[in-house]
């Protein structure tokens, strides 16, 4: 008799067999510090440092084309200190302020680090021996870097759903549909049950510098306990809109659908039931007529 090793778990899907981790989200949470890249530094006025675009966070690939969520995905490494070349300098640094700006223009990512340094000098009056501080002066140093940038992924921030309710005494049902463009999945919840309609699955990957990205594959399947037909959720029985919750997911965000076009279709008094009753009455009438004919031909 075959036995099953208790330490061996059954596979739930083909993805378990292939031992591949898939995700519908393109968010990785990666920071510039996790990327292996050398920072080139040099002296700029009173400060010493450097700035480098290390890469982009939350990169996704769809049909082998890279995308990012927005300008904030530019990952920048920077460091600024007082210049070591100032040894012997009679000045004093009071304050150093750093401002970093990132933006994308015409397909190019730019990073600019502006460092404003407030400084002063101290002179000694050789007659009185008193030390006198000069007025505060400000020096500005700017570090720049640029590189080609992926396109920003266009995705919806809201969606309109469509509810087609078919009211009938015998078989009432409702169909719920939400357009899927730009979405990775739609989660439908109704009456304590739920189903997911999944459109894209992403596989995580990393390059030689350690930059993590998500390569998406287009799919189309449902998973869950609720019924469906094609691209629509099917709710059997009387429909209660208050029990319905629909959440859309893009590679980067999620949002709930609140705008529905609700169409109610009152079906005629169950035409299939009428046909069935007519068929049944016709058969009964034929049986009754046959019975009467037999009684006439063959008297009791």
Protein backbone atom coordinates (compact mmCIF):
# COMPACT_ATOMS: atom_id res chain seq x y z
CA UNK A 1 0.00 0.00 0.00
CA UNK A 2 1.54 3.36 -0.97
CA UNK A 3 2.37 5.65 1.93
CA UNK A 4 2.75 9.43 2.08
CA UNK A 5 5.69 11.01 3.86
CA UNK A 6 4.20 13.37 6.44
CA UNK A 7 7.05 15.84 5.85
CA UNK A 8 6.09 16.25 2.19
CA UNK A 9 3.44 18.91 1.57
CA UNK A 10 1.19 18.71 -1.49
CA UNK A 11 1.65 21.38 -4.16
CA UNK A 12 -1.09 23.99 -4.39
CA UNK A 13 -0.15 25.21 -7.87
CA UNK A 14 2.39 24.98 -10.68
CA UNK A 15 4.26 27.89 -9.05
CA UNK A 16 4.92 25.73 -5.97
CA UNK A 17 6.33 22.97 -8.18
CA UNK A 18 8.67 25.41 -9.92
CA UNK A 19 9.63 26.97 -6.55
CA UNK A 20 9.08 30.48 -7.92
CA UNK A 21 7.97 33.40 -5.77
CA UNK A 22 5.37 35.52 -7.53
CA UNK A 23 3.86 38.81 -6.43
CA UNK A 24 1.19 41.16 -7.75
CA UNK A 25 2.94 44.15 -6.11
CA UNK A 26 5.88 46.00 -7.64
CA UNK A 27 6.89 47.65 -4.36
CA UNK A 28 10.18 46.28 -3.05
CA UNK A 29 11.06 48.74 -0.29
CA UNK A 30 14.62 48.97 -1.60
CA UNK A 31 16.88 51.85 -0.52
CA UNK A 32 20.04 53.30 -2.04
CA UNK A 33 22.14 51.91 0.83
CA UNK A 34 21.44 48.35 -0.33
CA UNK A 35 22.92 48.95 -3.79
CA UNK A 36 26.58 48.14 -4.41
CA UNK A 37 27.91 51.20 -6.22
CA UNK A 38 31.04 53.32 -5.73
CA UNK A 39 30.60 56.98 -4.86
CA UNK A 40 33.08 59.32 -6.53
CA UNK A 41 33.96 62.24 -4.24
CA UNK A 42 35.80 65.52 -4.75
CA UNK A 43 36.28 68.94 -3.16
CA UNK A 44 33.73 71.60 -3.99
CA UNK A 45 34.50 74.85 -2.19
CA UNK A 46 34.42 74.31 1.56
CA UNK A 47 33.01 70.80 1.38
CA UNK A 48 34.13 67.40 0.18
CA UNK A 49 31.72 64.78 -1.10
CA UNK A 50 29.83 63.32 -3.98
CA UNK A 51 26.45 62.39 -5.41
CA UNK A 52 25.46 59.42 -7.56
CA UNK A 53 22.19 58.06 -8.91
CA UNK A 54 22.46 54.45 -7.78
CA UNK A 55 19.40 53.22 -9.66
CA UNK A 56 15.63 53.17 -9.35
CA UNK A 57 13.36 51.63 -6.75
CA UNK A 58 10.26 49.61 -7.59
CA UNK A 59 11.18 49.00 -11.23
CA UNK A 60 8.73 46.76 -13.07
CA UNK A 61 9.04 45.14 -16.48
CA UNK A 62 5.99 44.61 -18.71
CA UNK A 63 6.73 43.04 -22.10
CA UNK A 64 10.43 43.65 -21.27
CA UNK A 65 9.87 47.43 -21.01
CA UNK A 66 10.93 49.00 -17.67
CA UNK A 67 8.66 51.34 -15.70
CA UNK A 68 8.83 53.18 -12.36
CA UNK A 69 6.04 54.62 -10.17
CA UNK A 70 7.21 58.26 -10.04
CA UNK A 71 10.19 60.59 -9.58
CA UNK A 72 10.59 59.52 -5.96
CA UNK A 73 11.86 56.14 -7.13
CA UNK A 74 15.22 57.70 -8.06
CA UNK A 75 17.73 56.22 -5.60
CA UNK A 76 20.58 58.57 -4.73
CA UNK A 77 23.76 57.98 -2.76
CA UNK A 78 25.49 61.07 -1.37
CA UNK A 79 27.98 62.14 1.29
CA UNK A 80 29.26 65.58 2.26
CA UNK A 81 31.82 66.57 4.91
CA UNK A 82 34.06 69.53 5.63
CA UNK A 83 36.82 69.57 3.06
CA UNK A 84 40.11 68.12 4.38
CA UNK A 85 41.87 70.68 2.19
CA UNK A 86 40.91 73.35 4.75
CA UNK A 87 43.69 72.36 7.15
CA UNK A 88 45.29 75.60 8.34
CA UNK A 89 42.28 77.65 7.27
CA UNK A 90 41.48 80.34 9.82
CA UNK A 91 37.75 80.20 9.14
CA UNK A 92 35.11 78.36 11.14
CA UNK A 93 32.02 76.58 9.83
CA UNK A 94 28.89 77.53 11.76
CA UNK A 95 26.27 75.53 9.89
CA UNK A 96 26.00 73.24 6.89
CA UNK A 97 22.62 72.73 5.20
CA UNK A 98 21.96 70.10 2.53
CA UNK A 99 19.08 70.07 0.07
CA UNK A 100 18.56 67.21 -2.37
CA UNK A 101 16.33 67.47 -5.44
CA UNK A 102 15.29 64.65 -7.77
CA UNK A 103 13.28 64.94 -10.95
CA UNK A 104 12.74 63.46 -14.41
CA UNK A 105 12.68 65.54 -17.57
CA UNK A 106 12.50 64.33 -21.18
CA UNK A 107 13.38 60.77 -20.22
CA UNK A 108 16.39 61.70 -18.08
CA UNK A 109 16.65 61.44 -14.30
CA UNK A 110 18.43 64.27 -12.51
CA UNK A 111 19.74 64.52 -8.96
CA UNK A 112 21.07 67.75 -7.50
CA UNK A 113 22.61 68.17 -4.05
CA UNK A 114 23.00 71.77 -2.90
CA UNK A 115 25.13 72.42 0.18
CA UNK A 116 25.03 75.84 1.81
CA UNK A 117 27.75 76.49 4.36
CA UNK A 118 27.65 79.40 6.80
CA UNK A 119 31.13 80.35 7.97
CA UNK A 120 33.10 83.13 9.61
CA UNK A 121 36.64 84.08 10.51
CA UNK A 122 38.15 85.27 13.78
CA UNK A 123 40.79 87.98 13.82
CA UNK A 124 42.87 89.08 16.77
CA UNK A 125 43.55 92.76 17.46
CA UNK A 126 47.28 92.70 18.19
CA UNK A 127 47.00 95.98 20.10
CA UNK A 128 44.26 94.97 22.51
CA UNK A 129 44.50 91.20 22.17
CA UNK A 130 40.77 90.98 21.62
CA UNK A 131 39.35 88.50 19.12
CA UNK A 132 36.79 89.75 16.69
CA UNK A 133 34.41 87.54 14.73
CA UNK A 134 33.64 88.48 11.14
CA UNK A 135 30.19 88.65 9.62
CA UNK A 136 28.61 85.34 8.65
CA UNK A 137 29.28 84.46 5.06
CA UNK A 138 27.61 81.74 2.97
CA UNK A 139 29.25 79.51 0.40
CA UNK A 140 27.31 77.20 -1.91
CA UNK A 141 28.50 73.93 -3.42
CA UNK A 142 26.46 71.91 -5.92
CA UNK A 143 26.84 68.22 -6.83
CA UNK A 144 24.97 66.82 -9.84
CA UNK A 145 24.32 63.54 -11.58
CA UNK A 146 22.00 62.31 -14.33
CA UNK A 147 21.15 59.13 -16.22
CA UNK A 148 18.42 57.75 -18.53
CA UNK A 149 15.17 57.03 -16.68
CA UNK A 150 12.44 54.45 -17.30
CA UNK A 151 8.99 55.73 -18.13
CA UNK A 152 6.51 56.33 -15.31
CA UNK A 153 3.88 53.58 -15.35
CA UNK A 154 0.45 54.99 -16.14
CA UNK A 155 -2.18 53.38 -13.94
CA UNK A 156 -5.64 54.28 -12.70
CA UNK A 157 -6.30 55.81 -9.29
CA UNK A 158 -10.02 55.10 -9.44
CA UNK A 159 -12.39 52.92 -11.45
CA UNK A 160 -16.06 52.71 -12.31
CA UNK A 161 -17.81 49.40 -11.79
CA UNK A 162 -20.87 48.03 -13.53
CA UNK A 163 -23.60 46.07 -11.76
CA UNK A 164 -26.22 44.30 -13.84
CA UNK A 165 -28.89 42.90 -11.54
CA UNK A 166 -31.39 40.43 -12.98
CA UNK A 167 -34.42 40.16 -10.74
CA UNK A 168 -36.46 37.00 -11.00
CA UNK A 169 -38.65 35.01 -8.63
CA UNK A 170 -36.98 31.76 -9.57
CA UNK A 171 -33.30 32.41 -10.42
CA UNK A 172 -32.24 35.98 -9.50
CA UNK A 173 -28.57 36.74 -10.20
CA UNK A 174 -26.22 39.71 -10.52
CA UNK A 175 -23.11 40.34 -12.61
CA UNK A 176 -20.38 42.73 -11.43
CA UNK A 177 -17.72 43.98 -13.84
CA UNK A 178 -14.76 46.37 -13.37
CA UNK A 179 -12.34 47.31 -16.23
CA UNK A 180 -8.90 45.81 -15.66
CA UNK A 181 -6.57 48.12 -17.62
CA UNK A 182 -3.44 48.95 -15.59
CA UNK A 183 -4.41 46.54 -12.79
CA UNK A 184 -2.66 43.46 -11.46
CA UNK A 185 -5.77 42.08 -9.78
CA UNK A 186 -9.28 42.85 -8.55
CA UNK A 187 -10.53 41.46 -5.24
CA UNK A 188 -14.29 40.96 -4.91
CA UNK A 189 -15.88 40.44 -1.50
CA UNK A 190 -19.52 39.60 -0.93
CA UNK A 191 -21.34 38.24 2.09
CA UNK A 192 -18.21 37.01 3.85
CA UNK A 193 -16.76 35.29 0.76
CA UNK A 194 -14.14 36.56 -1.67
CA UNK A 195 -12.49 35.90 -5.03
CA UNK A 196 -9.53 37.41 -6.85
CA UNK A 197 -9.41 38.06 -10.58
CA UNK A 198 -5.68 38.16 -11.38
CA UNK A 199 -4.27 39.80 -14.52
CA UNK A 200 -0.52 40.10 -13.90
CA UNK A 201 1.97 38.12 -11.82
CA UNK A 202 5.44 39.46 -11.09
CA UNK A 203 8.67 37.55 -10.52
CA UNK A 204 11.32 39.26 -8.40
CA UNK A 205 14.83 39.52 -9.83
CA UNK A 206 18.06 41.38 -9.02
CA UNK A 207 20.94 42.58 -11.21
CA UNK A 208 24.67 42.57 -10.50
CA UNK A 209 24.43 45.81 -8.48
CA UNK A 210 21.66 44.40 -6.30
CA UNK A 211 18.85 46.48 -7.81
CA UNK A 212 15.60 44.56 -7.33
CA UNK A 213 12.91 44.66 -10.01
CA UNK A 214 9.68 42.81 -10.79
CA UNK A 215 9.10 41.21 -14.19
CA UNK A 216 5.38 40.82 -14.91
CA UNK A 217 3.68 38.10 -16.91
CA UNK A 218 0.16 38.60 -18.22
CA UNK A 219 -2.33 36.04 -16.89
CA UNK A 220 -6.10 35.78 -16.55
CA UNK A 221 -7.52 33.54 -13.87
CA UNK A 222 -9.82 33.55 -10.86
CA UNK A 223 -9.13 32.27 -7.37
CA UNK A 224 -11.65 32.12 -4.54
CA UNK A 225 -15.06 30.91 -3.46
CA UNK A 226 -17.31 33.29 -5.42
CA UNK A 227 -18.68 32.39 -8.85
CA UNK A 228 -17.62 34.08 -12.08
CA UNK A 229 -18.32 34.04 -15.80
CA UNK A 230 -15.70 35.48 -18.15
CA UNK A 231 -14.57 38.81 -16.66
CA UNK A 232 -17.62 39.24 -14.43
CA UNK A 233 -18.37 38.22 -10.88
CA UNK A 234 -21.63 36.25 -10.58
CA UNK A 235 -23.76 36.59 -7.46
CA UNK A 236 -26.60 34.10 -7.29
CA UNK A 237 -29.73 34.95 -5.35
CA UNK A 238 -31.18 38.31 -4.30
CA UNK A 239 -28.54 41.08 -4.46
CA UNK A 240 -27.57 43.36 -1.56
CA UNK A 241 -25.21 46.14 -2.65
CA UNK A 242 -24.15 46.80 0.96
CA UNK A 243 -22.51 43.35 1.04
CA UNK A 244 -20.33 44.09 -2.00
CA UNK A 245 -16.76 45.36 -1.73
CA UNK A 246 -14.42 45.67 -4.71
CA UNK A 247 -10.72 46.55 -4.38
CA UNK A 248 -8.44 47.22 -7.35
CA UNK A 249 -4.67 46.70 -7.24
CA UNK A 250 -2.05 48.28 -9.51
CA UNK A 251 1.64 47.35 -9.29
CA UNK A 252 2.05 50.21 -6.81
CA UNK A 253 -1.24 51.10 -5.10
CA UNK A 254 -4.69 49.84 -4.23
CA UNK A 255 -8.05 51.60 -4.16
CA UNK A 256 -11.64 50.68 -3.47
CA UNK A 257 -14.32 51.02 -6.14
CA UNK A 258 -17.14 53.24 -4.91
CA UNK A 259 -18.65 54.43 -8.20
CA UNK A 260 -21.01 51.85 -9.69
CA UNK A 261 -23.46 52.03 -12.54
CA UNK A 262 -26.25 49.83 -11.18
CA UNK A 263 -28.71 48.54 -13.79
CA UNK A 264 -31.76 46.59 -12.63
CA UNK A 265 -33.39 44.20 -15.09
CA UNK A 266 -36.83 42.93 -14.07
CA UNK A 267 -37.26 39.69 -15.96
CA UNK A 268 -40.78 38.73 -17.13
CA UNK A 269 -42.65 36.23 -15.02
CA UNK A 270 -40.27 33.36 -15.59
CA UNK A 271 -40.86 32.50 -19.24
CA UNK A 272 -39.19 29.12 -18.81
CA UNK A 273 -41.69 28.26 -16.07
CA UNK A 274 -44.62 29.22 -18.31
CA UNK A 275 -43.32 27.01 -21.10
CA UNK A 276 -42.88 24.12 -18.71
CA UNK A 277 -46.41 24.49 -17.32
CA UNK A 278 -47.88 24.71 -20.83
CA UNK A 279 -46.01 21.55 -21.80
CA UNK A 280 -47.24 19.77 -18.68
CA UNK A 281 -50.87 20.84 -19.17
CA UNK A 282 -50.77 19.79 -22.83
CA UNK A 283 -49.56 16.32 -21.88
CA UNK A 284 -52.19 15.99 -19.16
CA UNK A 285 -54.92 17.06 -21.60
CA UNK A 286 -53.74 14.52 -24.15
CA UNK A 287 -53.75 11.80 -21.51
CA UNK A 288 -57.26 12.78 -20.42
CA UNK A 289 -58.56 12.78 -24.02
CA UNK A 290 -56.95 9.43 -24.64
CA UNK A 291 -58.55 8.05 -21.52
CA UNK A 292 -62.01 9.30 -22.62
CA UNK A 293 -61.52 7.85 -26.11
CA UNK A 294 -60.62 4.48 -24.68
CA UNK A 295 -63.74 4.55 -22.49
CA UNK A 296 -65.88 5.25 -25.57
CA UNK A 297 -64.32 2.45 -27.63
CA UNK A 298 -64.20 0.01 -24.77
CA UNK A 299 -67.14 0.62 -22.43
CA UNK A 300 -66.56 -0.29 -18.80
